[in-house]
Amino acid sequence: MSFTENDRKVQSQSGKSFPSEDGHSHRPFARAIALALRAEFGGGPSAVKTAARVTQANERAVRNWFEAKNGPSGEYLIPLLQHSDLVLRAVLELAGRRDLLVAASLADLRQQLIDLVAAIDIAQR
C-alpha cells in the first residue's frame, strides 16, 4: 500500500508546535536534554546507540532527543538521570531546584577530593 500526497502528515513541516495546556512550550525541555545528551555522550551515531542501550529506547526516538525534536518520556528519562550527571543537572535547572544542584555538585567535589588524595598518596610512594 502506498501513501498519497493527500495523506495526513504526522509531523508539522513548518516547525510550529502547539503550546501545552499551561501555555508553555515543551521545546526548552527538549533543547536542554539534547544539549546535555550531546555533552555527555557526544554527537555521533555511537552516542545515539549508547544512549539507546542505556535507556532501552528505540534508536530513532533517541536520535529525536539528540536533535531536540522530542524529549524523553519519564520511562526513559529515569535511566538517563541515573547514567548522566549532565541530564540530571539540566532537569534540576529546568525544575528550578538550584538547591539540589548545589548538593549534587558537593557530592562530585567530594569524590574529586578523594581521588586527588589517593593520587597524592600514590605519588609519594
PDB file of N, CA and C in Angstrom:
ATOM      1  N   MET A   1       0.846  -1.167   0.000  1.00  0.00           N
ATOM      2  CA  MET A   1       0.000   0.000   0.000  1.00  0.00           C
ATOM      3  C   MET A   1       0.895   1.235   0.000  1.00  0.00           C
ATOM      4  N   SER A   2       0.665   2.126  -0.912  1.00  0.00           N
ATOM      5  CA  SER A   2       1.487   3.331  -0.990  1.00  0.00           C
ATOM      6  C   SER A   2       0.684   4.527  -0.489  1.00  0.00           C
ATOM      7  N   PHE A   3       1.414   5.494   0.019  1.00  0.00           N
ATOM      8  CA  PHE A   3       0.781   6.686   0.549  1.00  0.00           C
ATOM      9  C   PHE A   3       0.652   7.733  -0.552  1.00  0.00           C
ATOM     10  N   THR A   4      -0.416   8.488  -0.509  1.00  0.00           N
ATOM     11  CA  THR A   4      -0.611   9.551  -1.490  1.00  0.00           C
ATOM     12  C   THR A   4      -0.171  10.871  -0.894  1.00  0.00           C
ATOM     13  N   GLU A   5      -0.104  11.869  -1.727  1.00  0.00           N
ATOM     14  CA  GLU A   5       0.289  13.205  -1.270  1.00  0.00           C
ATOM     15  C   GLU A   5      -0.743  13.798  -0.311  1.00  0.00           C
ATOM     16  N   ASN A   6      -1.980  13.313  -0.367  1.00  0.00           N
ATOM     17  CA  ASN A   6      -3.037  13.875   0.461  1.00  0.00           C
ATOM     18  C   ASN A   6      -3.159  13.210   1.821  1.00  0.00           C
ATOM     19  N   ASP A   7      -2.315  12.224   2.097  1.00  0.00           N
ATOM     20  CA  ASP A   7      -2.374  11.550   3.390  1.00  0.00           C
ATOM     21  C   ASP A   7      -2.004  12.514   4.507  1.00  0.00           C
ATOM     22  N   ARG A   8      -2.485  12.190   5.680  1.00  0.00           N
ATOM     23  CA  ARG A   8      -2.234  13.018   6.852  1.00  0.00           C
ATOM     24  C   ARG A   8      -0.748  13.039   7.179  1.00  0.00           C
ATOM     25  N   LYS A   9      -0.235  14.207   7.452  1.00  0.00           N
ATOM     26  CA  LYS A   9       1.160  14.354   7.838  1.00  0.00           C
ATOM     27  C   LYS A   9       1.261  14.172   9.349  1.00  0.00           C
ATOM     28  N   VAL A  10       2.184  13.343   9.800  1.00  0.00           N
ATOM     29  CA  VAL A  10       2.313  13.060  11.222  1.00  0.00           C
ATOM     30  C   VAL A  10       3.000  14.214  11.946  1.00  0.00           C
ATOM     31  N   GLN A  11       3.994  14.816  11.317  1.00  0.00           N
ATOM     32  CA  GLN A  11       4.737  15.889  11.954  1.00  0.00           C
ATOM     33  C   GLN A  11       4.628  17.153  11.105  1.00  0.00           C
ATOM     34  N   SER A  12       4.487  18.269  11.759  1.00  0.00           N
ATOM     35  CA  SER A  12       4.371  19.540  11.062  1.00  0.00           C
ATOM     36  C   SER A  12       5.639  19.847  10.291  1.00  0.00           C
ATOM     37  N   GLN A  13       5.506  20.233   9.039  1.00  0.00           N
ATOM     38  CA  GLN A  13       6.657  20.596   8.223  1.00  0.00           C
ATOM     39  C   GLN A  13       7.088  22.038   8.475  1.00  0.00           C
ATOM     40  N   SER A  14       6.216  22.848   9.047  1.00  0.00           N
ATOM     41  CA  SER A  14       6.529  24.261   9.252  1.00  0.00           C
ATOM     42  C   SER A  14       7.349  24.490  10.507  1.00  0.00           C
ATOM     43  N   GLY A  15       7.434  23.502  11.378  1.00  0.00           N
ATOM     44  CA  GLY A  15       8.186  23.658  12.611  1.00  0.00           C
ATOM     45  C   GLY A  15       7.382  24.275  13.743  1.00  0.00           C
ATOM     46  N   LYS A  16       6.119  24.585  13.486  1.00  0.00           N
ATOM     47  CA  LYS A  16       5.278  25.165  14.525  1.00  0.00           C
ATOM     48  C   LYS A  16       4.777  24.052  15.436  1.00  0.00           C
ATOM     49  N   SER A  17       4.612  24.386  16.690  1.00  0.00           N
ATOM     50  CA  SER A  17       4.090  23.395  17.625  1.00  0.00           C
ATOM     51  C   SER A  17       3.019  24.047  18.488  1.00  0.00           C
ATOM     52  N   PHE A  18       2.120  23.253  19.002  1.00  0.00           N
ATOM     53  CA  PHE A  18       1.072  23.750  19.861  1.00  0.00           C
ATOM     54  C   PHE A  18       1.603  23.892  21.277  1.00  0.00           C
ATOM     55  N   PRO A  19       1.234  24.958  21.971  1.00  0.00           N
ATOM     56  CA  PRO A  19       1.653  25.079  23.365  1.00  0.00           C
ATOM     57  C   PRO A  19       0.875  24.097  24.230  1.00  0.00           C
ATOM     58  N   SER A  20       1.418  23.784  25.373  1.00  0.00           N
ATOM     59  CA  SER A  20       0.725  22.877  26.283  1.00  0.00           C
ATOM     60  C   SER A  20      -0.448  23.605  26.921  1.00  0.00           C
ATOM     61  N   GLU A  21      -1.198  22.901  27.756  1.00  0.00           N
ATOM     62  CA  GLU A  21      -2.379  23.475  28.374  1.00  0.00           C
ATOM     63  C   GLU A  21      -2.049  24.684  29.249  1.00  0.00           C
ATOM     64  N   ASP A  22      -0.855  24.677  29.869  1.00  0.00           N
ATOM     65  CA  ASP A  22      -0.499  25.801  30.728  1.00  0.00           C
ATOM     66  C   ASP A  22       0.099  26.965  29.952  1.00  0.00           C
ATOM     67  N   GLY A  23       0.157  26.850  28.609  1.00  0.00           N
ATOM     68  CA  GLY A  23       0.623  27.942  27.782  1.00  0.00           C
ATOM     69  C   GLY A  23       2.104  27.956  27.513  1.00  0.00           C
ATOM     70  N   HIS A  24       2.853  27.025  28.078  1.00  0.00           N
ATOM     71  CA  HIS A  24       4.293  26.979  27.866  1.00  0.00           C
ATOM     72  C   HIS A  24       4.633  25.936  26.803  1.00  0.00           C
ATOM     73  N   SER A  25       5.632  26.226  26.035  1.00  0.00           N
ATOM     74  CA  SER A  25       6.093  25.278  25.018  1.00  0.00           C
ATOM     75  C   SER A  25       6.994  24.241  25.663  1.00  0.00           C
ATOM     76  N   HIS A  26       6.992  23.018  25.152  1.00  0.00           N
ATOM     77  CA  HIS A  26       7.847  21.954  25.686  1.00  0.00           C
ATOM     78  C   HIS A  26       9.220  21.962  25.027  1.00  0.00           C
ATOM     79  N   ARG A  27       9.480  22.872  24.126  1.00  0.00           N
ATOM     80  CA  ARG A  27      10.763  22.930  23.431  1.00  0.00           C
ATOM     81  C   ARG A  27      11.946  23.174  24.364  1.00  0.00           C
ATOM     82  N   PRO A  28      11.839  24.033  25.396  1.00  0.00           N
ATOM     83  CA  PRO A  28      13.013  24.219  26.265  1.00  0.00           C
ATOM     84  C   PRO A  28      13.476  22.912  26.897  1.00  0.00           C
ATOM     85  N   PHE A  29      12.550  22.034  27.237  1.00  0.00           N
ATOM     86  CA  PHE A  29      12.911  20.736  27.799  1.00  0.00           C
ATOM     87  C   PHE A  29      13.676  19.915  26.773  1.00  0.00           C
ATOM     88  N   ALA A  30      13.156  19.830  25.566  1.00  0.00           N
ATOM     89  CA  ALA A  30      13.815  19.046  24.519  1.00  0.00           C
ATOM     90  C   ALA A  30      15.196  19.602  24.208  1.00  0.00           C
ATOM     91  N   ARG A  31      15.318  20.931  24.155  1.00  0.00           N
ATOM     92  CA  ARG A  31      16.624  21.550  23.875  1.00  0.00           C
ATOM     93  C   ARG A  31      17.616  21.285  24.993  1.00  0.00           C
ATOM     94  N   ALA A  32      17.174  21.424  26.233  1.00  0.00           N
ATOM     95  CA  ALA A  32      18.071  21.210  27.376  1.00  0.00           C
ATOM     96  C   ALA A  32      18.546  19.765  27.423  1.00  0.00           C
ATOM     97  N   ILE A  33      17.650  18.820  27.160  1.00  0.00           N
ATOM     98  CA  ILE A  33      18.026  17.404  27.161  1.00  0.00           C
ATOM     99  C   ILE A  33      18.983  17.125  26.007  1.00  0.00           C
ATOM    100  N   ALA A  34      18.715  17.698  24.840  1.00  0.00           N
ATOM    101  CA  ALA A  34      19.592  17.491  23.681  1.00  0.00           C
ATOM    102  C   ALA A  34      21.000  18.006  23.965  1.00  0.00           C
ATOM    103  N   LEU A  35      21.107  19.184  24.546  1.00  0.00           N
ATOM    104  CA  LEU A  35      22.424  19.739  24.876  1.00  0.00           C
ATOM    105  C   LEU A  35      23.158  18.857  25.883  1.00  0.00           C
ATOM    106  N   ALA A  36      22.437  18.401  26.892  1.00  0.00           N
ATOM    107  CA  ALA A  36      23.052  17.548  27.909  1.00  0.00           C
ATOM    108  C   ALA A  36      23.481  16.203  27.318  1.00  0.00           C
ATOM    109  N   LEU A  37      22.652  15.628  26.463  1.00  0.00           N
ATOM    110  CA  LEU A  37      22.999  14.352  25.840  1.00  0.00           C
ATOM    111  C   LEU A  37      24.235  14.478  24.959  1.00  0.00           C
ATOM    112  N   ARG A  38      24.287  15.553  24.167  1.00  0.00           N
ATOM    113  CA  ARG A  38      25.453  15.743  23.287  1.00  0.00           C
ATOM    114  C   ARG A  38      26.715  15.983  24.098  1.00  0.00           C
ATOM    115  N   ALA A  39      26.599  16.702  25.198  1.00  0.00           N
ATOM    116  CA  ALA A  39      27.774  16.949  26.042  1.00  0.00           C
ATOM    117  C   ALA A  39      28.221  15.663  26.751  1.00  0.00           C
ATOM    118  N   GLU A  40      27.274  14.850  27.146  1.00  0.00           N
ATOM    119  CA  GLU A  40      27.594  13.614  27.882  1.00  0.00           C
ATOM    120  C   GLU A  40      28.078  12.503  26.963  1.00  0.00           C
ATOM    121  N   PHE A  41      27.362  12.280  25.858  1.00  0.00           N
ATOM    122  CA  PHE A  41      27.634  11.128  25.007  1.00  0.00           C
ATOM    123  C   PHE A  41      28.345  11.465  23.703  1.00  0.00           C
ATOM    124  N   GLY A  42      28.411  12.747  23.329  1.00  0.00           N
ATOM    125  CA  GLY A  42      28.984  13.129  22.043  1.00  0.00           C
ATOM    126  C   GLY A  42      27.871  13.314  21.030  1.00  0.00           C
ATOM    127  N   GLY A  43      28.254  13.519  19.769  1.00  0.00           N
ATOM    128  CA  GLY A  43      27.230  13.810  18.780  1.00  0.00           C
ATOM    129  C   GLY A  43      27.096  12.802  17.669  1.00  0.00           C
ATOM    130  N   GLY A  44      27.903  11.769  17.654  1.00  0.00           N
ATOM    131  CA  GLY A  44      27.897  10.824  16.547  1.00  0.00           C
ATOM    132  C   GLY A  44      26.896   9.703  16.694  1.00  0.00           C
ATOM    133  N   PRO A  45      26.880   8.815  15.703  1.00  0.00           N
ATOM    134  CA  PRO A  45      25.963   7.671  15.739  1.00  0.00           C
ATOM    135  C   PRO A  45      26.205   6.744  16.933  1.00  0.00           C
ATOM    136  N   SER A  46      27.445   6.620  17.360  1.00  0.00           N
ATOM    137  CA  SER A  46      27.714   5.753  18.511  1.00  0.00           C
ATOM    138  C   SER A  46      27.114   6.341  19.782  1.00  0.00           C
ATOM    139  N   ALA A  47      26.996   7.670  19.851  1.00  0.00           N
ATOM    140  CA  ALA A  47      26.377   8.308  21.010  1.00  0.00           C
ATOM    141  C   ALA A  47      24.903   7.943  21.093  1.00  0.00           C
ATOM    142  N   VAL A  48      24.235   7.941  19.954  1.00  0.00           N
ATOM    143  CA  VAL A  48      22.819   7.567  19.909  1.00  0.00           C
ATOM    144  C   VAL A  48      22.660   6.112  20.337  1.00  0.00           C
ATOM    145  N   LYS A  49      23.540   5.245  19.833  1.00  0.00           N
ATOM    146  CA  LYS A  49      23.468   3.825  20.183  1.00  0.00           C
ATOM    147  C   LYS A  49      23.710   3.618  21.677  1.00  0.00           C
ATOM    148  N   THR A  50      24.665   4.356  22.245  1.00  0.00           N
ATOM    149  CA  THR A  50      24.954   4.230  23.671  1.00  0.00           C
ATOM    150  C   THR A  50      23.759   4.678  24.506  1.00  0.00           C
ATOM    151  N   ALA A  51      23.185   5.823  24.169  1.00  0.00           N
ATOM    152  CA  ALA A  51      22.021   6.317  24.911  1.00  0.00           C
ATOM    153  C   ALA A  51      20.824   5.381  24.747  1.00  0.00           C
ATOM    154  N   ALA A  52      20.670   4.800  23.560  1.00  0.00           N
ATOM    155  CA  ALA A  52      19.574   3.844  23.337  1.00  0.00           C
ATOM    156  C   ALA A  52      19.781   2.595  24.194  1.00  0.00           C
ATOM    157  N   ARG A  53      21.014   2.153  24.298  1.00  0.00           N
ATOM    158  CA  ARG A  53      21.317   0.977  25.117  1.00  0.00           C
ATOM    159  C   ARG A  53      21.038   1.258  26.590  1.00  0.00           C
ATOM    160  N   VAL A  54      21.411   2.441  27.055  1.00  0.00           N
ATOM    161  CA  VAL A  54      21.211   2.815  28.456  1.00  0.00           C
ATOM    162  C   VAL A  54      19.726   2.880  28.796  1.00  0.00           C
ATOM    163  N   THR A  55      18.927   3.420  27.875  1.00  0.00           N
ATOM    164  CA  THR A  55      17.510   3.645  28.163  1.00  0.00           C
ATOM    165  C   THR A  55      16.594   2.521  27.694  1.00  0.00           C
ATOM    166  N   GLN A  56      17.127   1.605  26.855  1.00  0.00           N
ATOM    167  CA  GLN A  56      16.304   0.560  26.249  1.00  0.00           C
ATOM    168  C   GLN A  56      15.257   1.155  25.305  1.00  0.00           C
ATOM    169  N   ALA A  57      15.557   2.335  24.746  1.00  0.00           N
ATOM    170  CA  ALA A  57      14.630   3.011  23.835  1.00  0.00           C
ATOM    171  C   ALA A  57      15.023   2.736  22.390  1.00  0.00           C
ATOM    172  N   ASN A  58      14.098   2.975  21.493  1.00  0.00           N
ATOM    173  CA  ASN A  58      14.331   2.838  20.062  1.00  0.00           C
ATOM    174  C   ASN A  58      15.355   3.881  19.615  1.00  0.00           C
ATOM    175  N   GLU A  59      16.278   3.493  18.739  1.00  0.00           N
ATOM    176  CA  GLU A  59      17.315   4.422  18.286  1.00  0.00           C
ATOM    177  C   GLU A  59      16.738   5.649  17.586  1.00  0.00           C
ATOM    178  N   ARG A  60      15.648   5.481  16.870  1.00  0.00           N
ATOM    179  CA  ARG A  60      15.026   6.626  16.186  1.00  0.00           C
ATOM    180  C   ARG A  60      14.511   7.626  17.214  1.00  0.00           C
ATOM    181  N   ALA A  61      13.915   7.137  18.288  1.00  0.00           N
ATOM    182  CA  ALA A  61      13.437   8.033  19.347  1.00  0.00           C
ATOM    183  C   ALA A  61      14.604   8.768  19.984  1.00  0.00           C
ATOM    184  N   VAL A  62      15.690   8.058  20.234  1.00  0.00           N
ATOM    185  CA  VAL A  62      16.864   8.673  20.850  1.00  0.00           C
ATOM    186  C   VAL A  62      17.474   9.713  19.917  1.00  0.00           C
ATOM    187  N   ARG A  63      17.505   9.434  18.630  1.00  0.00           N
ATOM    188  CA  ARG A  63      18.011  10.400  17.661  1.00  0.00           C
ATOM    189  C   ARG A  63      17.159  11.683  17.709  1.00  0.00           C
ATOM    190  N   ASN A  64      15.844  11.522  17.883  1.00  0.00           N
ATOM    191  CA  ASN A  64      14.973  12.692  18.019  1.00  0.00           C
ATOM    192  C   ASN A  64      15.304  13.488  19.280  1.00  0.00           C
ATOM    193  N   TRP A  65      15.704  12.810  20.361  1.00  0.00           N
ATOM    194  CA  TRP A  65      16.123  13.512  21.577  1.00  0.00           C
ATOM    195  C   TRP A  65      17.386  14.315  21.304  1.00  0.00           C
ATOM    196  N   PHE A  66      18.346  13.707  20.621  1.00  0.00           N
ATOM    197  CA  PHE A  66      19.603  14.384  20.314  1.00  0.00           C
ATOM    198  C   PHE A  66      19.374  15.599  19.411  1.00  0.00           C
ATOM    199  N   GLU A  67      18.373  15.527  18.546  1.00  0.00           N
ATOM    200  CA  GLU A  67      18.066  16.624  17.625  1.00  0.00           C
ATOM    201  C   GLU A  67      17.062  17.616  18.212  1.00  0.00           C
ATOM    202  N   ALA A  68      16.653  17.405  19.451  1.00  0.00           N
ATOM    203  CA  ALA A  68      15.699  18.266  20.170  1.00  0.00           C
ATOM    204  C   ALA A  68      14.335  18.331  19.493  1.00  0.00           C
ATOM    205  N   LYS A  69      13.993  17.299  18.722  1.00  0.00           N
ATOM    206  CA  LYS A  69      12.650  17.241  18.129  1.00  0.00           C
ATOM    207  C   LYS A  69      11.640  16.831  19.190  1.00  0.00           C
ATOM    208  N   ASN A  70      12.050  15.957  20.086  1.00  0.00           N
ATOM    209  CA  ASN A  70      11.230  15.480  21.203  1.00  0.00           C
ATOM    210  C   ASN A  70      12.127  15.336  22.410  1.00  0.00           C
ATOM    211  N   GLY A  71      11.509  15.267  23.569  1.00  0.00           N
ATOM    212  CA  GLY A  71      12.231  14.942  24.787  1.00  0.00           C
ATOM    213  C   GLY A  71      11.816  13.560  25.241  1.00  0.00           C
ATOM    214  N   PRO A  72      12.632  12.909  26.043  1.00  0.00           N
ATOM    215  CA  PRO A  72      12.275  11.573  26.518  1.00  0.00           C
ATOM    216  C   PRO A  72      11.112  11.615  27.503  1.00  0.00           C
ATOM    217  N   SER A  73      10.287  10.575  27.474  1.00  0.00           N
ATOM    218  CA  SER A  73       9.206  10.467  28.449  1.00  0.00           C
ATOM    219  C   SER A  73       9.821  10.016  29.784  1.00  0.00           C
ATOM    220  N   GLY A  74       9.043  10.034  30.812  1.00  0.00           N
ATOM    221  CA  GLY A  74       9.532   9.667  32.144  1.00  0.00           C
ATOM    222  C   GLY A  74      10.144   8.288  32.200  1.00  0.00           C
ATOM    223  N   GLU A  75       9.571   7.363  31.463  1.00  0.00           N
ATOM    224  CA  GLU A  75      10.057   5.985  31.412  1.00  0.00           C
ATOM    225  C   GLU A  75      11.520   5.920  30.953  1.00  0.00           C
ATOM    226  N   TYR A  76      11.896   6.796  30.038  1.00  0.00           N
ATOM    227  CA  TYR A  76      13.256   6.815  29.509  1.00  0.00           C
ATOM    228  C   TYR A  76      14.117   7.871  30.194  1.00  0.00           C
ATOM    229  N   LEU A  77      13.475   8.858  30.785  1.00  0.00           N
ATOM    230  CA  LEU A  77      14.225   9.906  31.471  1.00  0.00           C
ATOM    231  C   LEU A  77      14.905   9.370  32.725  1.00  0.00           C
ATOM    232  N   ILE A  78      14.251   8.470  33.428  1.00  0.00           N
ATOM    233  CA  ILE A  78      14.821   7.947  34.676  1.00  0.00           C
ATOM    234  C   ILE A  78      16.159   7.252  34.442  1.00  0.00           C
ATOM    235  N   PRO A  79      16.290   6.324  33.473  1.00  0.00           N
ATOM    236  CA  PRO A  79      17.626   5.744  33.246  1.00  0.00           C
ATOM    237  C   PRO A  79      18.652   6.781  32.792  1.00  0.00           C
ATOM    238  N   LEU A  80      18.209   7.801  32.054  1.00  0.00           N
ATOM    239  CA  LEU A  80      19.144   8.854  31.664  1.00  0.00           C
ATOM    240  C   LEU A  80      19.648   9.610  32.889  1.00  0.00           C
ATOM    241  N   LEU A  81      18.744   9.884  33.822  1.00  0.00           N
ATOM    242  CA  LEU A  81      19.138  10.571  35.045  1.00  0.00           C
ATOM    243  C   LEU A  81      20.111   9.722  35.864  1.00  0.00           C
ATOM    244  N   GLN A  82      19.933   8.406  35.830  1.00  0.00           N
ATOM    245  CA  GLN A  82      20.812   7.511  36.575  1.00  0.00           C
ATOM    246  C   GLN A  82      22.210   7.454  35.978  1.00  0.00           C
ATOM    247  N   HIS A  83      22.326   7.612  34.660  1.00  0.00           N
ATOM    248  CA  HIS A  83      23.611   7.443  33.981  1.00  0.00           C
ATOM    249  C   HIS A  83      24.284   8.752  33.576  1.00  0.00           C
ATOM    250  N   SER A  84      23.589   9.861  33.636  1.00  0.00           N
ATOM    251  CA  SER A  84      24.145  11.116  33.146  1.00  0.00           C
ATOM    252  C   SER A  84      23.962  12.239  34.154  1.00  0.00           C
ATOM    253  N   ASP A  85      25.065  12.709  34.712  1.00  0.00           N
ATOM    254  CA  ASP A  85      25.008  13.852  35.626  1.00  0.00           C
ATOM    255  C   ASP A  85      24.565  15.113  34.899  1.00  0.00           C
ATOM    256  N   LEU A  86      24.928  15.236  33.633  1.00  0.00           N
ATOM    257  CA  LEU A  86      24.551  16.437  32.882  1.00  0.00           C
ATOM    258  C   LEU A  86      23.058  16.492  32.614  1.00  0.00           C
ATOM    259  N   VAL A  87      22.439  15.356  32.337  1.00  0.00           N
ATOM    260  CA  VAL A  87      20.983  15.328  32.154  1.00  0.00           C
ATOM    261  C   VAL A  87      20.302  15.640  33.485  1.00  0.00           C
ATOM    262  N   LEU A  88      20.824  15.076  34.578  1.00  0.00           N
ATOM    263  CA  LEU A  88      20.278  15.366  35.903  1.00  0.00           C
ATOM    264  C   LEU A  88      20.341  16.862  36.197  1.00  0.00           C
ATOM    265  N   ARG A  89      21.480  17.476  35.916  1.00  0.00           N
ATOM    266  CA  ARG A  89      21.630  18.910  36.149  1.00  0.00           C
ATOM    267  C   ARG A  89      20.656  19.721  35.288  1.00  0.00           C
ATOM    268  N   ALA A  90      20.485  19.315  34.034  1.00  0.00           N
ATOM    269  CA  ALA A  90      19.566  20.034  33.145  1.00  0.00           C
ATOM    270  C   ALA A  90      18.138  19.970  33.677  1.00  0.00           C
ATOM    271  N   VAL A  91      17.716  18.794  34.137  1.00  0.00           N
ATOM    272  CA  VAL A  91      16.353  18.638  34.655  1.00  0.00           C
ATOM    273  C   VAL A  91      16.167  19.439  35.942  1.00  0.00           C
ATOM    274  N   LEU A  92      17.160  19.388  36.834  1.00  0.00           N
ATOM    275  CA  LEU A  92      17.061  20.158  38.079  1.00  0.00           C
ATOM    276  C   LEU A  92      17.008  21.656  37.804  1.00  0.00           C
ATOM    277  N   GLU A  93      17.787  22.098  36.825  1.00  0.00           N
ATOM    278  CA  GLU A  93      17.771  23.511  36.477  1.00  0.00           C
ATOM    279  C   GLU A  93      16.422  23.921  35.886  1.00  0.00           C
ATOM    280  N   LEU A  94      15.872  23.083  35.003  1.00  0.00           N
ATOM    281  CA  LEU A  94      14.552  23.383  34.437  1.00  0.00           C
ATOM    282  C   LEU A  94      13.480  23.402  35.513  1.00  0.00           C
ATOM    283  N   ALA A  95      13.654  22.561  36.534  1.00  0.00           N
ATOM    284  CA  ALA A  95      12.677  22.494  37.620  1.00  0.00           C
ATOM    285  C   ALA A  95      12.869  23.614  38.638  1.00  0.00           C
ATOM    286  N   GLY A  96      13.939  24.394  38.478  1.00  0.00           N
ATOM    287  CA  GLY A  96      14.191  25.477  39.412  1.00  0.00           C
ATOM    288  C   GLY A  96      14.706  25.002  40.753  1.00  0.00           C
ATOM    289  N   ARG A  97      15.319  23.830  40.778  1.00  0.00           N
ATOM    290  CA  ARG A  97      15.817  23.256  42.037  1.00  0.00           C
ATOM    291  C   ARG A  97      17.326  23.450  42.152  1.00  0.00           C
ATOM    292  N   ARG A  98      17.741  24.702  42.223  1.00  0.00           N
ATOM    293  CA  ARG A  98      19.172  25.014  42.328  1.00  0.00           C
ATOM    294  C   ARG A  98      19.774  24.489  43.627  1.00  0.00           C
ATOM    295  N   ASP A  99      18.951  24.361  44.667  1.00  0.00           N
ATOM    296  CA  ASP A  99      19.453  23.818  45.930  1.00  0.00           C
ATOM    297  C   ASP A  99      19.941  22.379  45.753  1.00  0.00           C
ATOM    298  N   LEU A 100      19.229  21.592  44.975  1.00  0.00           N
ATOM    299  CA  LEU A 100      19.658  20.220  44.717  1.00  0.00           C
ATOM    300  C   LEU A 100      20.847  20.177  43.772  1.00  0.00           C
ATOM    301  N   LEU A 101      20.951  21.178  42.894  1.00  0.00           N
ATOM    302  CA  LEU A 101      22.117  21.277  42.020  1.00  0.00           C
ATOM    303  C   LEU A 101      23.381  21.463  42.839  1.00  0.00           C
ATOM    304  N   VAL A 102      23.303  22.316  43.857  1.00  0.00           N
ATOM    305  CA  VAL A 102      24.448  22.547  44.733  1.00  0.00           C
ATOM    306  C   VAL A 102      24.801  21.269  45.484  1.00  0.00           C
ATOM    307  N   ALA A 103      23.807  20.547  45.959  1.00  0.00           N
ATOM    308  CA  ALA A 103      24.059  19.299  46.684  1.00  0.00           C
ATOM    309  C   ALA A 103      24.732  18.272  45.781  1.00  0.00           C
ATOM    310  N   ALA A 104      24.288  18.178  44.536  1.00  0.00           N
ATOM    311  CA  ALA A 104      24.906  17.248  43.591  1.00  0.00           C
ATOM    312  C   ALA A 104      26.337  17.659  43.296  1.00  0.00           C
ATOM    313  N   SER A 105      26.589  18.966  43.200  1.00  0.00           N
ATOM    314  CA  SER A 105      27.947  19.454  42.949  1.00  0.00           C
ATOM    315  C   SER A 105      28.865  19.145  44.118  1.00  0.00           C
ATOM    316  N   LEU A 106      28.353  19.246  45.340  1.00  0.00           N
ATOM    317  CA  LEU A 106      29.169  18.941  46.516  1.00  0.00           C
ATOM    318  C   LEU A 106      29.569  17.468  46.546  1.00  0.00           C
ATOM    319  N   ALA A 107      28.664  16.596  46.158  1.00  0.00           N
ATOM    320  CA  ALA A 107      28.997  15.171  46.110  1.00  0.00           C
ATOM    321  C   ALA A 107      30.086  14.905  45.069  1.00  0.00           C
ATOM    322  N   ASP A 108      30.003  15.574  43.919  1.00  0.00           N
ATOM    323  CA  ASP A 108      31.040  15.434  42.889  1.00  0.00           C
ATOM    324  C   ASP A 108      32.377  15.958  43.390  1.00  0.00           C
ATOM    325  N   LEU A 109      32.340  17.106  44.059  1.00  0.00           N
ATOM    326  CA  LEU A 109      33.557  17.708  44.583  1.00  0.00           C
ATOM    327  C   LEU A 109      34.209  16.800  45.626  1.00  0.00           C
ATOM    328  N   ARG A 110      33.400  16.202  46.479  1.00  0.00           N
ATOM    329  CA  ARG A 110      33.919  15.281  47.499  1.00  0.00           C
ATOM    330  C   ARG A 110      34.642  14.108  46.840  1.00  0.00           C
ATOM    331  N   GLN A 111      34.037  13.537  45.786  1.00  0.00           N
ATOM    332  CA  GLN A 111      34.657  12.410  45.091  1.00  0.00           C
ATOM    333  C   GLN A 111      35.957  12.833  44.422  1.00  0.00           C
ATOM    334  N   GLN A 112      35.996  14.021  43.859  1.00  0.00           N
ATOM    335  CA  GLN A 112      37.222  14.523  43.238  1.00  0.00           C
ATOM    336  C   GLN A 112      38.328  14.685  44.275  1.00  0.00           C
ATOM    337  N   LEU A 113      37.976  15.173  45.457  1.00  0.00           N
ATOM    338  CA  LEU A 113      38.970  15.317  46.526  1.00  0.00           C
ATOM    339  C   LEU A 113      39.501  13.956  46.974  1.00  0.00           C
ATOM    340  N   ILE A 114      38.638  12.982  47.095  1.00  0.00           N
ATOM    341  CA  ILE A 114      39.067  11.629  47.468  1.00  0.00           C
ATOM    342  C   ILE A 114      40.029  11.081  46.421  1.00  0.00           C
ATOM    343  N   ASP A 115      39.694  11.258  45.148  1.00  0.00           N
ATOM    344  CA  ASP A 115      40.575  10.795  44.071  1.00  0.00           C
ATOM    345  C   ASP A 115      41.911  11.522  44.082  1.00  0.00           C
ATOM    346  N   LEU A 116      41.880  12.818  44.377  1.00  0.00           N
ATOM    347  CA  LEU A 116      43.107  13.609  44.426  1.00  0.00           C
ATOM    348  C   LEU A 116      44.011  13.164  45.568  1.00  0.00           C
ATOM    349  N   VAL A 117      43.454  12.923  46.731  1.00  0.00           N
ATOM    350  CA  VAL A 117      44.239  12.444  47.872  1.00  0.00           C
ATOM    351  C   VAL A 117      44.843  11.063  47.555  1.00  0.00           C
ATOM    352  N   ALA A 118      44.081  10.215  46.917  1.00  0.00           N
ATOM    353  CA  ALA A 118      44.613   8.898  46.530  1.00  0.00           C
ATOM    354  C   ALA A 118      45.767   9.054  45.539  1.00  0.00           C
ATOM    355  N   ALA A 119      45.654   9.965  44.596  1.00  0.00           N
ATOM    356  CA  ALA A 119      46.729  10.201  43.622  1.00  0.00           C
ATOM    357  C   ALA A 119      47.972  10.748  44.309  1.00  0.00           C
ATOM    358  N   ILE A 120      47.792  11.626  45.304  1.00  0.00           N
ATOM    359  CA  ILE A 120      48.928  12.155  46.062  1.00  0.00           C
ATOM    360  C   ILE A 120      49.615  11.039  46.834  1.00  0.00           C
ATOM    361  N   ASP A 121      48.824  10.167  47.453  1.00  0.00           N
ATOM    362  CA  ASP A 121      49.388   9.040  48.203  1.00  0.00           C
ATOM    363  C   ASP A 121      50.218   8.134  47.293  1.00  0.00           C
ATOM    364  N   ILE A 122      49.719   7.873  46.103  1.00  0.00           N
ATOM    365  CA  ILE A 122      50.450   7.017  45.148  1.00  0.00           C
ATOM    366  C   ILE A 122      51.739   7.696  44.693  1.00  0.00           C
ATOM    367  N   ALA A 123      51.676   9.013  44.465  1.00  0.00           N
ATOM    368  CA  ALA A 123      52.858   9.747  44.003  1.00  0.00           C
ATOM    369  C   ALA A 123      53.943   9.818  45.061  1.00  0.00           C
ATOM    370  N   GLN A 124      53.569   9.767  46.334  1.00  0.00           N
ATOM    371  CA  GLN A 124      54.551   9.863  47.417  1.00  0.00           C
ATOM    372  C   GLN A 124      55.266   8.544  47.673  1.00  0.00           C
ATOM    373  N   ARG A 125      54.816   7.463  47.150  1.00  0.00           N
ATOM    374  CA  ARG A 125      55.431   6.162  47.404  1.00  0.00           C
ATOM    375  C   ARG A 125      56.708   6.006  46.686  1.00  0.00           C
TER     376      ARG A 125
END
